[in-house]
Amino acid sequence: MELKELALCPREEFEQELNRLCPDSLDMNPGEYDATYNERVRIRSCIMRLRIEALLDGKLTVEQVVEQEHEEGCDENLDLDGIHRGILIRALEKLKEGRDRDEIIDETEDALEFF
């Protein structure tokens, strides 16, 4: 499955495919584990950018992206989903204002990575 297609998948399906592509196992030697971990991080970063692009293209909604980027076990006092939702809504507002698409994507990606 291509990364663009994977970016549109629900979170569970994405996680299954990521585990298929890069099995996360402690049974690997340290070098293999580090390489696999780095590849998983690279794929997640690419997918986040592709999800932002899909949002701006109207292929995903804000709620779909929030659900896809949701992390279990986060601090209950910090509403990360709400913060992510606000960042994504602002990205759509910037697009409506006519701002540069690549700039919006870069700024949104940076903001989401911060949290």
PDB file of N, CA and C in Angstrom:
ATOM      1  N   MET A   1       0.852  -1.169   0.000  1.00  0.00           N
ATOM      2  CA  MET A   1       0.000   0.000   0.000  1.00  0.00           C
ATOM      3  C   MET A   1       0.906   1.243   0.000  1.00  0.00           C
ATOM      4  N   GLU A   2       0.596   2.195  -0.855  1.00  0.00           N
ATOM      5  CA  GLU A   2       1.371   3.430  -0.925  1.00  0.00           C
ATOM      6  C   GLU A   2       1.078   4.307   0.288  1.00  0.00           C
ATOM      7  N   LEU A   3       2.027   5.171   0.619  1.00  0.00           N
ATOM      8  CA  LEU A   3       1.859   6.032   1.786  1.00  0.00           C
ATOM      9  C   LEU A   3       0.655   6.960   1.642  1.00  0.00           C
ATOM     10  N   LYS A   4       0.389   7.451   0.428  1.00  0.00           N
ATOM     11  CA  LYS A   4      -0.776   8.331   0.234  1.00  0.00           C
ATOM     12  C   LYS A   4      -2.072   7.606   0.574  1.00  0.00           C
ATOM     13  N   GLU A   5      -2.167   6.350   0.209  1.00  0.00           N
ATOM     14  CA  GLU A   5      -3.345   5.549   0.538  1.00  0.00           C
ATOM     15  C   GLU A   5      -3.395   5.261   2.032  1.00  0.00           C
ATOM     16  N   LEU A   6      -2.240   4.988   2.600  1.00  0.00           N
ATOM     17  CA  LEU A   6      -2.142   4.678   4.018  1.00  0.00           C
ATOM     18  C   LEU A   6      -2.553   5.872   4.876  1.00  0.00           C
ATOM     19  N   ALA A   7      -2.275   7.071   4.398  1.00  0.00           N
ATOM     20  CA  ALA A   7      -2.626   8.289   5.137  1.00  0.00           C
ATOM     21  C   ALA A   7      -4.139   8.452   5.277  1.00  0.00           C
ATOM     22  N   LEU A   8      -4.888   7.874   4.379  1.00  0.00           N
ATOM     23  CA  LEU A   8      -6.342   7.997   4.408  1.00  0.00           C
ATOM     24  C   LEU A   8      -7.016   6.911   5.242  1.00  0.00           C
ATOM     25  N   CYS A   9      -6.252   5.926   5.657  1.00  0.00           N
ATOM     26  CA  CYS A   9      -6.798   4.790   6.413  1.00  0.00           C
ATOM     27  C   CYS A   9      -7.116   5.179   7.854  1.00  0.00           C
ATOM     28  N   PRO A  10      -8.079   4.489   8.455  1.00  0.00           N
ATOM     29  CA  PRO A  10      -8.313   4.668   9.888  1.00  0.00           C
ATOM     30  C   PRO A  10      -7.059   4.267  10.676  1.00  0.00           C
ATOM     31  N   ARG A  11      -6.958   4.778  11.880  1.00  0.00           N
ATOM     32  CA  ARG A  11      -5.776   4.572  12.708  1.00  0.00           C
ATOM     33  C   ARG A  11      -5.432   3.098  12.888  1.00  0.00           C
ATOM     34  N   GLU A  12      -6.418   2.260  13.165  1.00  0.00           N
ATOM     35  CA  GLU A  12      -6.160   0.843  13.392  1.00  0.00           C
ATOM     36  C   GLU A  12      -5.544   0.178  12.163  1.00  0.00           C
ATOM     37  N   GLU A  13      -6.081   0.500  11.007  1.00  0.00           N
ATOM     38  CA  GLU A  13      -5.559  -0.072   9.766  1.00  0.00           C
ATOM     39  C   GLU A  13      -4.139   0.432   9.499  1.00  0.00           C
ATOM     40  N   PHE A  14      -3.909   1.712   9.762  1.00  0.00           N
ATOM     41  CA  PHE A  14      -2.566   2.271   9.603  1.00  0.00           C
ATOM     42  C   PHE A  14      -1.568   1.545  10.511  1.00  0.00           C
ATOM     43  N   GLU A  15      -1.928   1.360  11.780  1.00  0.00           N
ATOM     44  CA  GLU A  15      -1.032   0.704  12.735  1.00  0.00           C
ATOM     45  C   GLU A  15      -0.732  -0.727  12.308  1.00  0.00           C
ATOM     46  N   GLN A  16      -1.728  -1.440  11.798  1.00  0.00           N
ATOM     47  CA  GLN A  16      -1.513  -2.810  11.322  1.00  0.00           C
ATOM     48  C   GLN A  16      -0.525  -2.825  10.152  1.00  0.00           C
ATOM     49  N   GLU A  17      -0.717  -1.906   9.224  1.00  0.00           N
ATOM     50  CA  GLU A  17       0.171  -1.847   8.060  1.00  0.00           C
ATOM     51  C   GLU A  17       1.585  -1.435   8.476  1.00  0.00           C
ATOM     52  N   LEU A  18       1.689  -0.496   9.409  1.00  0.00           N
ATOM     53  CA  LEU A  18       3.001  -0.079   9.898  1.00  0.00           C
ATOM     54  C   LEU A  18       3.712  -1.254  10.568  1.00  0.00           C
ATOM     55  N   ASN A  19       2.987  -2.025  11.356  1.00  0.00           N
ATOM     56  CA  ASN A  19       3.571  -3.199  12.000  1.00  0.00           C
ATOM     57  C   ASN A  19       3.982  -4.260  10.984  1.00  0.00           C
ATOM     58  N   ARG A  20       3.260  -4.330   9.890  1.00  0.00           N
ATOM     59  CA  ARG A  20       3.629  -5.265   8.829  1.00  0.00           C
ATOM     60  C   ARG A  20       4.903  -4.789   8.132  1.00  0.00           C
ATOM     61  N   LEU A  21       4.970  -3.489   7.841  1.00  0.00           N
ATOM     62  CA  LEU A  21       6.131  -2.928   7.150  1.00  0.00           C
ATOM     63  C   LEU A  21       7.381  -2.923   8.027  1.00  0.00           C
ATOM     64  N   CYS A  22       7.201  -2.571   9.289  1.00  0.00           N
ATOM     65  CA  CYS A  22       8.320  -2.421  10.230  1.00  0.00           C
ATOM     66  C   CYS A  22       7.943  -3.067  11.555  1.00  0.00           C
ATOM     67  N   PRO A  23       8.101  -4.365  11.662  1.00  0.00           N
ATOM     68  CA  PRO A  23       7.728  -5.030  12.910  1.00  0.00           C
ATOM     69  C   PRO A  23       8.477  -4.433  14.100  1.00  0.00           C
ATOM     70  N   ASP A  24       7.748  -4.150  15.146  1.00  0.00           N
ATOM     71  CA  ASP A  24       8.321  -3.569  16.360  1.00  0.00           C
ATOM     72  C   ASP A  24       8.561  -4.709  17.340  1.00  0.00           C
ATOM     73  N   SER A  25       9.804  -5.156  17.415  1.00  0.00           N
ATOM     74  CA  SER A  25      10.116  -6.315  18.245  1.00  0.00           C
ATOM     75  C   SER A  25      11.380  -6.064  19.052  1.00  0.00           C
ATOM     76  N   LEU A  26      11.330  -6.451  20.297  1.00  0.00           N
ATOM     77  CA  LEU A  26      12.511  -6.349  21.154  1.00  0.00           C
ATOM     78  C   LEU A  26      13.460  -7.527  20.932  1.00  0.00           C
ATOM     79  N   ASP A  27      13.087  -8.467  20.078  1.00  0.00           N
ATOM     80  CA  ASP A  27      13.919  -9.631  19.788  1.00  0.00           C
ATOM     81  C   ASP A  27      15.035  -9.316  18.790  1.00  0.00           C
ATOM     82  N   MET A  28      15.077  -8.087  18.287  1.00  0.00           N
ATOM     83  CA  MET A  28      16.093  -7.699  17.307  1.00  0.00           C
ATOM     84  C   MET A  28      17.375  -7.297  18.031  1.00  0.00           C
ATOM     85  N   ASN A  29      18.472  -7.347  17.282  1.00  0.00           N
ATOM     86  CA  ASN A  29      19.700  -6.822  17.865  1.00  0.00           C
ATOM     87  C   ASN A  29      19.588  -5.294  17.893  1.00  0.00           C
ATOM     88  N   PRO A  30      20.388  -4.603  18.699  1.00  0.00           N
ATOM     89  CA  PRO A  30      20.235  -3.146  18.848  1.00  0.00           C
ATOM     90  C   PRO A  30      20.290  -2.369  17.537  1.00  0.00           C
ATOM     91  N   GLY A  31      21.146  -2.751  16.628  1.00  0.00           N
ATOM     92  CA  GLY A  31      21.241  -2.046  15.347  1.00  0.00           C
ATOM     93  C   GLY A  31      19.984  -2.187  14.515  1.00  0.00           C
ATOM     94  N   GLU A  32      19.449  -3.404  14.465  1.00  0.00           N
ATOM     95  CA  GLU A  32      18.207  -3.637  13.720  1.00  0.00           C
ATOM     96  C   GLU A  32      17.045  -2.896  14.370  1.00  0.00           C
ATOM     97  N   TYR A  33      16.997  -2.930  15.692  1.00  0.00           N
ATOM     98  CA  TYR A  33      15.919  -2.246  16.407  1.00  0.00           C
ATOM     99  C   TYR A  33      15.962  -0.748  16.136  1.00  0.00           C
ATOM    100  N   ASP A  34      17.150  -0.154  16.199  1.00  0.00           N
ATOM    101  CA  ASP A  34      17.291   1.283  15.939  1.00  0.00           C
ATOM    102  C   ASP A  34      16.878   1.633  14.517  1.00  0.00           C
ATOM    103  N   ALA A  35      17.287   0.821  13.563  1.00  0.00           N
ATOM    104  CA  ALA A  35      16.927   1.066  12.165  1.00  0.00           C
ATOM    105  C   ALA A  35      15.417   0.966  11.967  1.00  0.00           C
ATOM    106  N   THR A  36      14.811  -0.039  12.580  1.00  0.00           N
ATOM    107  CA  THR A  36      13.360  -0.212  12.474  1.00  0.00           C
ATOM    108  C   THR A  36      12.641   0.952  13.137  1.00  0.00           C
ATOM    109  N   TYR A  37      13.100   1.342  14.307  1.00  0.00           N
ATOM    110  CA  TYR A  37      12.491   2.470  15.020  1.00  0.00           C
ATOM    111  C   TYR A  37      12.584   3.744  14.176  1.00  0.00           C
ATOM    112  N   ASN A  38      13.751   4.017  13.612  1.00  0.00           N
ATOM    113  CA  ASN A  38      13.928   5.208  12.779  1.00  0.00           C
ATOM    114  C   ASN A  38      13.024   5.180  11.551  1.00  0.00           C
ATOM    115  N   GLU A  39      12.842   4.010  10.962  1.00  0.00           N
ATOM    116  CA  GLU A  39      11.960   3.881   9.797  1.00  0.00           C
ATOM    117  C   GLU A  39      10.505   4.123  10.196  1.00  0.00           C
ATOM    118  N   ARG A  40      10.103   3.630  11.356  1.00  0.00           N
ATOM    119  CA  ARG A  40       8.742   3.866  11.845  1.00  0.00           C
ATOM    120  C   ARG A  40       8.515   5.364  12.060  1.00  0.00           C
ATOM    121  N   VAL A  41       9.486   6.052  12.631  1.00  0.00           N
ATOM    122  CA  VAL A  41       9.388   7.499  12.852  1.00  0.00           C
ATOM    123  C   VAL A  41       9.281   8.223  11.509  1.00  0.00           C
ATOM    124  N   ARG A  42      10.091   7.818  10.536  1.00  0.00           N
ATOM    125  CA  ARG A  42      10.061   8.442   9.208  1.00  0.00           C
ATOM    126  C   ARG A  42       8.695   8.255   8.548  1.00  0.00           C
ATOM    127  N   ILE A  43       8.163   7.046   8.633  1.00  0.00           N
ATOM    128  CA  ILE A  43       6.853   6.769   8.030  1.00  0.00           C
ATOM    129  C   ILE A  43       5.771   7.597   8.723  1.00  0.00           C
ATOM    130  N   ARG A  44       5.784   7.648  10.049  1.00  0.00           N
ATOM    131  CA  ARG A  44       4.780   8.434  10.777  1.00  0.00           C
ATOM    132  C   ARG A  44       4.851   9.914  10.386  1.00  0.00           C
ATOM    133  N   SER A  45       6.065  10.424  10.225  1.00  0.00           N
ATOM    134  CA  SER A  45       6.228  11.824   9.834  1.00  0.00           C
ATOM    135  C   SER A  45       5.667  12.063   8.426  1.00  0.00           C
ATOM    136  N   CYS A  46       5.971  11.156   7.508  1.00  0.00           N
ATOM    137  CA  CYS A  46       5.442  11.271   6.136  1.00  0.00           C
ATOM    138  C   CYS A  46       3.917  11.207   6.144  1.00  0.00           C
ATOM    139  N   ILE A  47       3.381  10.296   6.931  1.00  0.00           N
ATOM    140  CA  ILE A  47       1.929  10.121   6.995  1.00  0.00           C
ATOM    141  C   ILE A  47       1.270  11.373   7.567  1.00  0.00           C
ATOM    142  N   MET A  48       1.874  11.972   8.586  1.00  0.00           N
ATOM    143  CA  MET A  48       1.296  13.193   9.155  1.00  0.00           C
ATOM    144  C   MET A  48       1.209  14.280   8.081  1.00  0.00           C
ATOM    145  N   ARG A  49       2.272  14.452   7.325  1.00  0.00           N
ATOM    146  CA  ARG A  49       2.273  15.468   6.263  1.00  0.00           C
ATOM    147  C   ARG A  49       1.209  15.143   5.206  1.00  0.00           C
ATOM    148  N   LEU A  50       1.114  13.884   4.829  1.00  0.00           N
ATOM    149  CA  LEU A  50       0.126  13.475   3.830  1.00  0.00           C
ATOM    150  C   LEU A  50      -1.303  13.665   4.341  1.00  0.00           C
ATOM    151  N   ARG A  51      -1.518  13.474   5.634  1.00  0.00           N
ATOM    152  CA  ARG A  51      -2.849  13.705   6.217  1.00  0.00           C
ATOM    153  C   ARG A  51      -3.204  15.187   6.185  1.00  0.00           C
ATOM    154  N   ILE A  52      -2.235  16.032   6.435  1.00  0.00           N
ATOM    155  CA  ILE A  52      -2.479  17.479   6.354  1.00  0.00           C
ATOM    156  C   ILE A  52      -2.832  17.854   4.923  1.00  0.00           C
ATOM    157  N   GLU A  53      -2.089  17.318   3.968  1.00  0.00           N
ATOM    158  CA  GLU A  53      -2.391  17.580   2.557  1.00  0.00           C
ATOM    159  C   GLU A  53      -3.795  17.090   2.209  1.00  0.00           C
ATOM    160  N   ALA A  54      -4.147  15.898   2.684  1.00  0.00           N
ATOM    161  CA  ALA A  54      -5.479  15.344   2.406  1.00  0.00           C
ATOM    162  C   ALA A  54      -6.567  16.214   3.028  1.00  0.00           C
ATOM    163  N   LEU A  55      -6.297  16.749   4.215  1.00  0.00           N
ATOM    164  CA  LEU A  55      -7.251  17.664   4.854  1.00  0.00           C
ATOM    165  C   LEU A  55      -7.462  18.897   3.983  1.00  0.00           C
ATOM    166  N   LEU A  56      -6.380  19.493   3.520  1.00  0.00           N
ATOM    167  CA  LEU A  56      -6.484  20.697   2.695  1.00  0.00           C
ATOM    168  C   LEU A  56      -7.150  20.406   1.351  1.00  0.00           C
ATOM    169  N   ASP A  57      -7.019  19.177   0.872  1.00  0.00           N
ATOM    170  CA  ASP A  57      -7.648  18.774  -0.397  1.00  0.00           C
ATOM    171  C   ASP A  57      -9.101  18.349  -0.218  1.00  0.00           C
ATOM    172  N   GLY A  58      -9.565  18.272   1.030  1.00  0.00           N
ATOM    173  CA  GLY A  58     -10.938  17.853   1.291  1.00  0.00           C
ATOM    174  C   GLY A  58     -11.138  16.347   1.290  1.00  0.00           C
ATOM    175  N   LYS A  59     -10.050  15.576   1.314  1.00  0.00           N
ATOM    176  CA  LYS A  59     -10.154  14.117   1.323  1.00  0.00           C
ATOM    177  C   LYS A  59     -10.357  13.568   2.732  1.00  0.00           C
ATOM    178  N   LEU A  60      -9.963  14.351   3.744  1.00  0.00           N
ATOM    179  CA  LEU A  60     -10.171  13.996   5.141  1.00  0.00           C
ATOM    180  C   LEU A  60     -10.789  15.187   5.859  1.00  0.00           C
ATOM    181  N   THR A  61     -11.548  14.901   6.900  1.00  0.00           N
ATOM    182  CA  THR A  61     -12.098  15.968   7.731  1.00  0.00           C
ATOM    183  C   THR A  61     -11.163  16.199   8.922  1.00  0.00           C
ATOM    184  N   VAL A  62     -11.381  17.304   9.617  1.00  0.00           N
ATOM    185  CA  VAL A  62     -10.606  17.600  10.818  1.00  0.00           C
ATOM    186  C   VAL A  62     -10.752  16.452  11.810  1.00  0.00           C
ATOM    187  N   GLU A  63     -11.978  15.978  12.008  1.00  0.00           N
ATOM    188  CA  GLU A  63     -12.218  14.902  12.974  1.00  0.00           C
ATOM    189  C   GLU A  63     -11.506  13.609  12.579  1.00  0.00           C
ATOM    190  N   GLN A  64     -11.449  13.309  11.298  1.00  0.00           N
ATOM    191  CA  GLN A  64     -10.748  12.104  10.859  1.00  0.00           C
ATOM    192  C   GLN A  64      -9.249  12.207  11.163  1.00  0.00           C
ATOM    193  N   VAL A  65      -8.668  13.364  10.891  1.00  0.00           N
ATOM    194  CA  VAL A  65      -7.240  13.545  11.160  1.00  0.00           C
ATOM    195  C   VAL A  65      -6.971  13.484  12.659  1.00  0.00           C
ATOM    196  N   VAL A  66      -7.834  14.115  13.456  1.00  0.00           N
ATOM    197  CA  VAL A  66      -7.674  14.070  14.910  1.00  0.00           C
ATOM    198  C   VAL A  66      -7.719  12.625  15.392  1.00  0.00           C
ATOM    199  N   GLU A  67      -8.657  11.861  14.891  1.00  0.00           N
ATOM    200  CA  GLU A  67      -8.771  10.452  15.288  1.00  0.00           C
ATOM    201  C   GLU A  67      -7.537   9.657  14.849  1.00  0.00           C
ATOM    202  N   GLN A  68      -7.045   9.924  13.653  1.00  0.00           N
ATOM    203  CA  GLN A  68      -5.879   9.196  13.151  1.00  0.00           C
ATOM    204  C   GLN A  68      -4.620   9.526  13.954  1.00  0.00           C
ATOM    205  N   GLU A  69      -4.503  10.762  14.425  1.00  0.00           N
ATOM    206  CA  GLU A  69      -3.313  11.190  15.158  1.00  0.00           C
ATOM    207  C   GLU A  69      -3.460  11.008  16.672  1.00  0.00           C
ATOM    208  N   HIS A  70      -4.624  10.551  17.126  1.00  0.00           N
ATOM    209  CA  HIS A  70      -4.887  10.379  18.556  1.00  0.00           C
ATOM    210  C   HIS A  70      -3.902   9.388  19.170  1.00  0.00           C
ATOM    211  N   GLU A  71      -3.425   9.719  20.365  1.00  0.00           N
ATOM    212  CA  GLU A  71      -2.513   8.831  21.084  1.00  0.00           C
ATOM    213  C   GLU A  71      -3.160   8.409  22.387  1.00  0.00           C
ATOM    214  N   GLU A  72      -3.130   7.124  22.647  1.00  0.00           N
ATOM    215  CA  GLU A  72      -3.677   6.582  23.888  1.00  0.00           C
ATOM    216  C   GLU A  72      -2.720   6.875  25.037  1.00  0.00           C
ATOM    217  N   GLY A  73      -3.277   7.002  26.218  1.00  0.00           N
ATOM    218  CA  GLY A  73      -2.456   7.142  27.405  1.00  0.00           C
ATOM    219  C   GLY A  73      -1.836   8.506  27.616  1.00  0.00           C
ATOM    220  N   CYS A  74      -2.369   9.529  26.976  1.00  0.00           N
ATOM    221  CA  CYS A  74      -1.835  10.874  27.151  1.00  0.00           C
ATOM    222  C   CYS A  74      -2.358  11.482  28.451  1.00  0.00           C
ATOM    223  N   ASP A  75      -1.738  12.542  28.878  1.00  0.00           N
ATOM    224  CA  ASP A  75      -2.134  13.264  30.085  1.00  0.00           C
ATOM    225  C   ASP A  75      -3.598  13.663  29.983  1.00  0.00           C
ATOM    226  N   GLU A  76      -4.399  13.211  30.931  1.00  0.00           N
ATOM    227  CA  GLU A  76      -5.839  13.484  30.908  1.00  0.00           C
ATOM    228  C   GLU A  76      -6.150  14.968  31.092  1.00  0.00           C
ATOM    229  N   ASN A  77      -5.238  15.708  31.715  1.00  0.00           N
ATOM    230  CA  ASN A  77      -5.455  17.132  31.951  1.00  0.00           C
ATOM    231  C   ASN A  77      -5.092  17.991  30.744  1.00  0.00           C
ATOM    232  N   LEU A  78      -4.466  17.387  29.754  1.00  0.00           N
ATOM    233  CA  LEU A  78      -4.068  18.104  28.556  1.00  0.00           C
ATOM    234  C   LEU A  78      -4.898  17.572  27.387  1.00  0.00           C
ATOM    235  N   ASP A  79      -5.716  18.411  26.807  1.00  0.00           N
ATOM    236  CA  ASP A  79      -6.603  18.007  25.719  1.00  0.00           C
ATOM    237  C   ASP A  79      -5.854  18.072  24.385  1.00  0.00           C
ATOM    238  N   LEU A  80      -5.013  17.057  24.129  1.00  0.00           N
ATOM    239  CA  LEU A  80      -4.238  17.049  22.888  1.00  0.00           C
ATOM    240  C   LEU A  80      -5.123  17.003  21.652  1.00  0.00           C
ATOM    241  N   ASP A  81      -6.212  16.239  21.715  1.00  0.00           N
ATOM    242  CA  ASP A  81      -7.117  16.190  20.565  1.00  0.00           C
ATOM    243  C   ASP A  81      -7.690  17.577  20.281  1.00  0.00           C
ATOM    244  N   GLY A  82      -8.051  18.296  21.328  1.00  0.00           N
ATOM    245  CA  GLY A  82      -8.572  19.647  21.154  1.00  0.00           C
ATOM    246  C   GLY A  82      -7.532  20.592  20.571  1.00  0.00           C
ATOM    247  N   ILE A  83      -6.299  20.454  21.028  1.00  0.00           N
ATOM    248  CA  ILE A  83      -5.207  21.277  20.487  1.00  0.00           C
ATOM    249  C   ILE A  83      -4.987  20.947  19.025  1.00  0.00           C
ATOM    250  N   HIS A  84      -4.934  19.651  18.705  1.00  0.00           N
ATOM    251  CA  HIS A  84      -4.760  19.233  17.304  1.00  0.00           C
ATOM    252  C   HIS A  84      -5.912  19.745  16.446  1.00  0.00           C
ATOM    253  N   ARG A  85      -7.122  19.641  16.965  1.00  0.00           N
ATOM    254  CA  ARG A  85      -8.302  20.111  16.236  1.00  0.00           C
ATOM    255  C   ARG A  85      -8.160  21.606  15.908  1.00  0.00           C
ATOM    256  N   GLY A  86      -7.746  22.383  16.898  1.00  0.00           N
ATOM    257  CA  GLY A  86      -7.565  23.820  16.693  1.00  0.00           C
ATOM    258  C   GLY A  86      -6.503  24.128  15.644  1.00  0.00           C
ATOM    259  N   ILE A  87      -5.400  23.391  15.684  1.00  0.00           N
ATOM    260  CA  ILE A  87      -4.323  23.584  14.701  1.00  0.00           C
ATOM    261  C   ILE A  87      -4.830  23.278  13.293  1.00  0.00           C
ATOM    262  N   LEU A  88      -5.595  22.208  13.151  1.00  0.00           N
ATOM    263  CA  LEU A  88      -6.101  21.813  11.836  1.00  0.00           C
ATOM    264  C   LEU A  88      -7.151  22.792  11.320  1.00  0.00           C
ATOM    265  N   ILE A  89      -8.007  23.260  12.201  1.00  0.00           N
ATOM    266  CA  ILE A  89      -9.018  24.252  11.801  1.00  0.00           C
ATOM    267  C   ILE A  89      -8.330  25.523  11.331  1.00  0.00           C
ATOM    268  N   ARG A  90      -7.288  25.920  12.040  1.00  0.00           N
ATOM    269  CA  ARG A  90      -6.542  27.125  11.646  1.00  0.00           C
ATOM    270  C   ARG A  90      -5.889  26.929  10.279  1.00  0.00           C
ATOM    271  N   ALA A  91      -5.409  25.728   9.990  1.00  0.00           N
ATOM    272  CA  ALA A  91      -4.819  25.449   8.678  1.00  0.00           C
ATOM    273  C   ALA A  91      -5.852  25.644   7.568  1.00  0.00           C
ATOM    274  N   LEU A  92      -7.082  25.177   7.810  1.00  0.00           N
ATOM    275  CA  LEU A  92      -8.138  25.352   6.817  1.00  0.00           C
ATOM    276  C   LEU A  92      -8.488  26.834   6.649  1.00  0.00           C
ATOM    277  N   GLU A  93      -8.476  27.575   7.756  1.00  0.00           N
ATOM    278  CA  GLU A  93      -8.744  29.016   7.681  1.00  0.00           C
ATOM    279  C   GLU A  93      -7.672  29.725   6.856  1.00  0.00           C
ATOM    280  N   LYS A  94      -6.417  29.351   7.066  1.00  0.00           N
ATOM    281  CA  LYS A  94      -5.312  29.946   6.301  1.00  0.00           C
ATOM    282  C   LYS A  94      -5.464  29.651   4.814  1.00  0.00           C
ATOM    283  N   LEU A  95      -5.915  28.442   4.495  1.00  0.00           N
ATOM    284  CA  LEU A  95      -6.127  28.081   3.094  1.00  0.00           C
ATOM    285  C   LEU A  95      -7.215  28.952   2.486  1.00  0.00           C
ATOM    286  N   LYS A  96      -8.294  29.171   3.231  1.00  0.00           N
ATOM    287  CA  LYS A  96      -9.385  30.022   2.754  1.00  0.00           C
ATOM    288  C   LYS A  96      -8.932  31.465   2.573  1.00  0.00           C
ATOM    289  N   GLU A  97      -7.969  31.894   3.400  1.00  0.00           N
ATOM    290  CA  GLU A  97      -7.425  33.250   3.292  1.00  0.00           C
ATOM    291  C   GLU A  97      -6.513  33.410   2.083  1.00  0.00           C
ATOM    292  N   GLY A  98      -6.172  32.297   1.447  1.00  0.00           N
ATOM    293  CA  GLY A  98      -5.329  32.349   0.260  1.00  0.00           C
ATOM    294  C   GLY A  98      -3.843  32.234   0.544  1.00  0.00           C
ATOM    295  N   ARG A  99      -3.501  31.808   1.738  1.00  0.00           N
ATOM    296  CA  ARG A  99      -2.078  31.652   2.070  1.00  0.00           C
ATOM    297  C   ARG A  99      -1.466  30.530   1.245  1.00  0.00           C
ATOM    298  N   ASP A 100      -0.149  30.535   1.143  1.00  0.00           N
ATOM    299  CA  ASP A 100       0.591  29.537   0.388  1.00  0.00           C
ATOM    300  C   ASP A 100       0.393  28.145   0.982  1.00  0.00           C
ATOM    301  N   ARG A 101      -0.012  27.222   0.152  1.00  0.00           N
ATOM    302  CA  ARG A 101      -0.339  25.857   0.586  1.00  0.00           C
ATOM    303  C   ARG A 101       0.855  25.164   1.251  1.00  0.00           C
ATOM    304  N   ASP A 102       2.032  25.236   0.622  1.00  0.00           N
ATOM    305  CA  ASP A 102       3.210  24.574   1.194  1.00  0.00           C
ATOM    306  C   ASP A 102       3.580  25.178   2.538  1.00  0.00           C
ATOM    307  N   GLU A 103       3.428  26.475   2.672  1.00  0.00           N
ATOM    308  CA  GLU A 103       3.708  27.150   3.934  1.00  0.00           C
ATOM    309  C   GLU A 103       2.724  26.687   5.014  1.00  0.00           C
ATOM    310  N   ILE A 104       1.468  26.553   4.641  1.00  0.00           N
ATOM    311  CA  ILE A 104       0.446  26.068   5.585  1.00  0.00           C
ATOM    312  C   ILE A 104       0.792  24.655   6.042  1.00  0.00           C
ATOM    313  N   ILE A 105       1.158  23.811   5.108  1.00  0.00           N
ATOM    314  CA  ILE A 105       1.494  22.426   5.439  1.00  0.00           C
ATOM    315  C   ILE A 105       2.696  22.385   6.381  1.00  0.00           C
ATOM    316  N   ASP A 106       3.742  23.150   6.065  1.00  0.00           N
ATOM    317  CA  ASP A 106       4.936  23.175   6.916  1.00  0.00           C
ATOM    318  C   ASP A 106       4.610  23.669   8.318  1.00  0.00           C
ATOM    319  N   GLU A 107       3.857  24.774   8.420  1.00  0.00           N
ATOM    320  CA  GLU A 107       3.508  25.339   9.721  1.00  0.00           C
ATOM    321  C   GLU A 107       2.634  24.374  10.534  1.00  0.00           C
ATOM    322  N   THR A 108       1.693  23.730   9.863  1.00  0.00           N
ATOM    323  CA  THR A 108       0.798  22.796  10.547  1.00  0.00           C
ATOM    324  C   THR A 108       1.550  21.573  11.018  1.00  0.00           C
ATOM    325  N   GLU A 109       2.402  21.057  10.170  1.00  0.00           N
ATOM    326  CA  GLU A 109       3.213  19.894  10.550  1.00  0.00           C
ATOM    327  C   GLU A 109       4.083  20.236  11.763  1.00  0.00           C
ATOM    328  N   ASP A 110       4.729  21.383  11.735  1.00  0.00           N
ATOM    329  CA  ASP A 110       5.570  21.807  12.868  1.00  0.00           C
ATOM    330  C   ASP A 110       4.752  21.916  14.154  1.00  0.00           C
ATOM    331  N   ALA A 111       3.571  22.515  14.049  1.00  0.00           N
ATOM    332  CA  ALA A 111       2.726  22.688  15.224  1.00  0.00           C
ATOM    333  C   ALA A 111       2.265  21.339  15.779  1.00  0.00           C
ATOM    334  N   LEU A 112       1.878  20.423  14.908  1.00  0.00           N
ATOM    335  CA  LEU A 112       1.421  19.099  15.370  1.00  0.00           C
ATOM    336  C   LEU A 112       2.574  18.295  15.983  1.00  0.00           C
ATOM    337  N   GLU A 113       3.751  18.417  15.419  1.00  0.00           N
ATOM    338  CA  GLU A 113       4.917  17.698  15.957  1.00  0.00           C
ATOM    339  C   GLU A 113       5.297  18.238  17.323  1.00  0.00           C
ATOM    340  N   PHE A 114       5.057  19.518  17.536  1.00  0.00           N
ATOM    341  CA  PHE A 114       5.381  20.137  18.816  1.00  0.00           C
ATOM    342  C   PHE A 114       4.603  19.475  19.945  1.00  0.00           C
ATOM    343  N   PHE A 115       3.367  19.093  19.658  1.00  0.00           N
ATOM    344  CA  PHE A 115       2.523  18.471  20.675  1.00  0.00           C
ATOM    345  C   PHE A 115       2.610  16.977  20.572  1.00  0.00           C
TER     346      PHE A 115
END
